Amino acid sequence: MSTFGVTDCIGTLGAIAIVAAYAALQSGLWNSEQLRYSMCNAVGSALILVSLAFDPNWPSIFIEGFWLGISVFGLFRAFVKRPR
């Protein structure tokens, strides 16, 4: 039987952040061009990557790395489109 440690909690918080962002998008509360959508996804994937650093799973590292990269690109676009 395994234990649920601190890194598991960190990864779970990341998963919650990503699912919450997706739920907000699908329900129409957020749109994909909003800063908060990309920020929530970036933070979520970063937290999952932290947990994966302690218990590696290469396919998950791969997908979360891309998720983080795409979210950072979305953050960049959101900052560029912001009114000054």
C-alpha atoms as a PDB file:
ATOM      1  CA  MET A   1       0.000   0.000   0.000  1.00  0.00           C
ATOM      2  CA  SER A   2       1.438   3.379  -0.969  1.00  0.00           C
ATOM      3  CA  THR A   3       1.084   6.598   0.962  1.00  0.00           C
ATOM      4  CA  PHE A   4      -0.262   9.901  -0.260  1.00  0.00           C
ATOM      5  CA  GLY A   5       2.586  12.340   0.311  1.00  0.00           C
ATOM      6  CA  VAL A   6       3.293  16.011  -0.167  1.00  0.00           C
ATOM      7  CA  THR A   7       4.286  15.597  -3.819  1.00  0.00           C
ATOM      8  CA  ASP A   8       1.045  13.729  -4.469  1.00  0.00           C
ATOM      9  CA  CYS A   9      -0.867  16.660  -2.969  1.00  0.00           C
ATOM     10  CA  ILE A  10       1.054  19.085  -5.205  1.00  0.00           C
ATOM     11  CA  GLY A  11       0.240  17.022  -8.304  1.00  0.00           C
ATOM     12  CA  THR A  12      -3.391  16.703  -7.290  1.00  0.00           C
ATOM     13  CA  LEU A  13      -3.692  20.472  -6.890  1.00  0.00           C
ATOM     14  CA  GLY A  14      -2.253  20.811 -10.393  1.00  0.00           C
ATOM     15  CA  ALA A  15      -4.784  18.366 -11.802  1.00  0.00           C
ATOM     16  CA  ILE A  16      -7.598  20.236 -10.056  1.00  0.00           C
ATOM     17  CA  ALA A  17      -6.373  23.519 -11.575  1.00  0.00           C
ATOM     18  CA  ILE A  18      -6.352  22.069 -15.094  1.00  0.00           C
ATOM     19  CA  VAL A  19      -9.764  20.434 -14.733  1.00  0.00           C
ATOM     20  CA  ALA A  20     -11.220  23.623 -13.232  1.00  0.00           C
ATOM     21  CA  ALA A  21      -9.881  25.696 -16.143  1.00  0.00           C
ATOM     22  CA  TYR A  22     -11.345  23.246 -18.647  1.00  0.00           C
ATOM     23  CA  ALA A  23     -14.693  23.202 -16.839  1.00  0.00           C
ATOM     24  CA  ALA A  24     -14.768  27.019 -16.785  1.00  0.00           C
ATOM     25  CA  LEU A  25     -14.002  27.056 -20.517  1.00  0.00           C
ATOM     26  CA  GLN A  26     -16.668  24.497 -21.411  1.00  0.00           C
ATOM     27  CA  SER A  27     -19.312  26.169 -19.250  1.00  0.00           C
ATOM     28  CA  GLY A  28     -18.698  29.525 -20.892  1.00  0.00           C
ATOM     29  CA  LEU A  29     -17.402  31.232 -17.749  1.00  0.00           C
ATOM     30  CA  TRP A  30     -13.968  31.708 -19.328  1.00  0.00           C
ATOM     31  CA  ASN A  31     -12.709  31.834 -22.879  1.00  0.00           C
ATOM     32  CA  SER A  32      -9.423  30.491 -24.179  1.00  0.00           C
ATOM     33  CA  GLU A  33      -7.974  33.943 -24.830  1.00  0.00           C
ATOM     34  CA  GLN A  34      -8.263  35.086 -21.222  1.00  0.00           C
ATOM     35  CA  LEU A  35      -5.117  35.410 -19.165  1.00  0.00           C
ATOM     36  CA  ARG A  36      -6.606  33.427 -16.285  1.00  0.00           C
ATOM     37  CA  TYR A  37      -7.320  30.412 -18.492  1.00  0.00           C
ATOM     38  CA  SER A  38      -3.718  30.072 -19.643  1.00  0.00           C
ATOM     39  CA  MET A  39      -2.403  30.939 -16.186  1.00  0.00           C
ATOM     40  CA  CYS A  40      -4.504  28.250 -14.537  1.00  0.00           C
ATOM     41  CA  ASN A  41      -3.320  25.688 -17.087  1.00  0.00           C
ATOM     42  CA  ALA A  42       0.337  26.731 -16.733  1.00  0.00           C
ATOM     43  CA  VAL A  43       0.252  26.566 -12.939  1.00  0.00           C
ATOM     44  CA  GLY A  44      -1.580  23.245 -13.032  1.00  0.00           C
ATOM     45  CA  SER A  45       0.844  21.596 -15.422  1.00  0.00           C
ATOM     46  CA  ALA A  46       3.843  23.007 -13.516  1.00  0.00           C
ATOM     47  CA  LEU A  47       2.506  21.525 -10.265  1.00  0.00           C
ATOM     48  CA  ILE A  48       1.989  18.162 -11.925  1.00  0.00           C
ATOM     49  CA  LEU A  49       5.546  18.319 -13.289  1.00  0.00           C
ATOM     50  CA  VAL A  50       6.847  18.992  -9.770  1.00  0.00           C
ATOM     51  CA  SER A  51       5.140  15.847  -8.526  1.00  0.00           C
ATOM     52  CA  LEU A  52       6.437  13.881 -11.514  1.00  0.00           C
ATOM     53  CA  ALA A  53       9.998  14.920 -10.686  1.00  0.00           C
ATOM     54  CA  PHE A  54       9.713  12.793  -7.539  1.00  0.00           C
ATOM     55  CA  ASP A  55       7.924   9.853  -9.160  1.00  0.00           C
ATOM     56  CA  PRO A  56       8.736   9.952 -12.893  1.00  0.00           C
ATOM     57  CA  ASN A  57       6.312   8.738 -15.510  1.00  0.00           C
ATOM     58  CA  TRP A  58       7.746   9.675 -18.898  1.00  0.00           C
ATOM     59  CA  PRO A  59       4.523   9.810 -20.926  1.00  0.00           C
ATOM     60  CA  SER A  60       2.995  12.096 -18.285  1.00  0.00           C
ATOM     61  CA  ILE A  61       6.121  14.273 -18.193  1.00  0.00           C
ATOM     62  CA  PHE A  62       5.925  14.530 -21.979  1.00  0.00           C
ATOM     63  CA  ILE A  63       2.275  15.623 -22.069  1.00  0.00           C
ATOM     64  CA  GLU A  64       2.596  18.012 -19.119  1.00  0.00           C
ATOM     65  CA  GLY A  65       5.708  19.566 -20.658  1.00  0.00           C
ATOM     66  CA  PHE A  66       3.776  20.289 -23.830  1.00  0.00           C
ATOM     67  CA  TRP A  67       0.769  21.479 -21.801  1.00  0.00           C
ATOM     68  CA  LEU A  68       3.002  23.935 -19.960  1.00  0.00           C
ATOM     69  CA  GLY A  69       4.636  25.123 -23.193  1.00  0.00           C
ATOM     70  CA  ILE A  70       1.304  25.711 -24.894  1.00  0.00           C
ATOM     71  CA  SER A  71      -0.006  27.511 -21.807  1.00  0.00           C
ATOM     72  CA  VAL A  72       3.061  29.769 -21.713  1.00  0.00           C
ATOM     73  CA  PHE A  73       2.431  30.565 -25.385  1.00  0.00           C
ATOM     74  CA  GLY A  74      -1.179  31.424 -24.465  1.00  0.00           C
ATOM     75  CA  LEU A  75       0.068  33.679 -21.656  1.00  0.00           C
ATOM     76  CA  PHE A  76       2.362  35.439 -24.090  1.00  0.00           C
ATOM     77  CA  ARG A  77      -0.519  35.982 -26.526  1.00  0.00           C
ATOM     78  CA  ALA A  78      -2.775  37.253 -23.734  1.00  0.00           C
ATOM     79  CA  PHE A  79      -0.147  39.780 -22.652  1.00  0.00           C
ATOM     80  CA  VAL A  80       0.440  40.947 -26.234  1.00  0.00           C
ATOM     81  CA  LYS A  81      -3.320  41.447 -26.836  1.00  0.00           C
ATOM     82  CA  ARG A  82      -3.934  43.340 -23.566  1.00  0.00           C
ATOM     83  CA  PRO A  83      -5.050  46.928 -24.031  1.00  0.00           C
ATOM     84  CA  ARG A  84      -2.451  49.411 -22.829  1.00  0.00           C
END
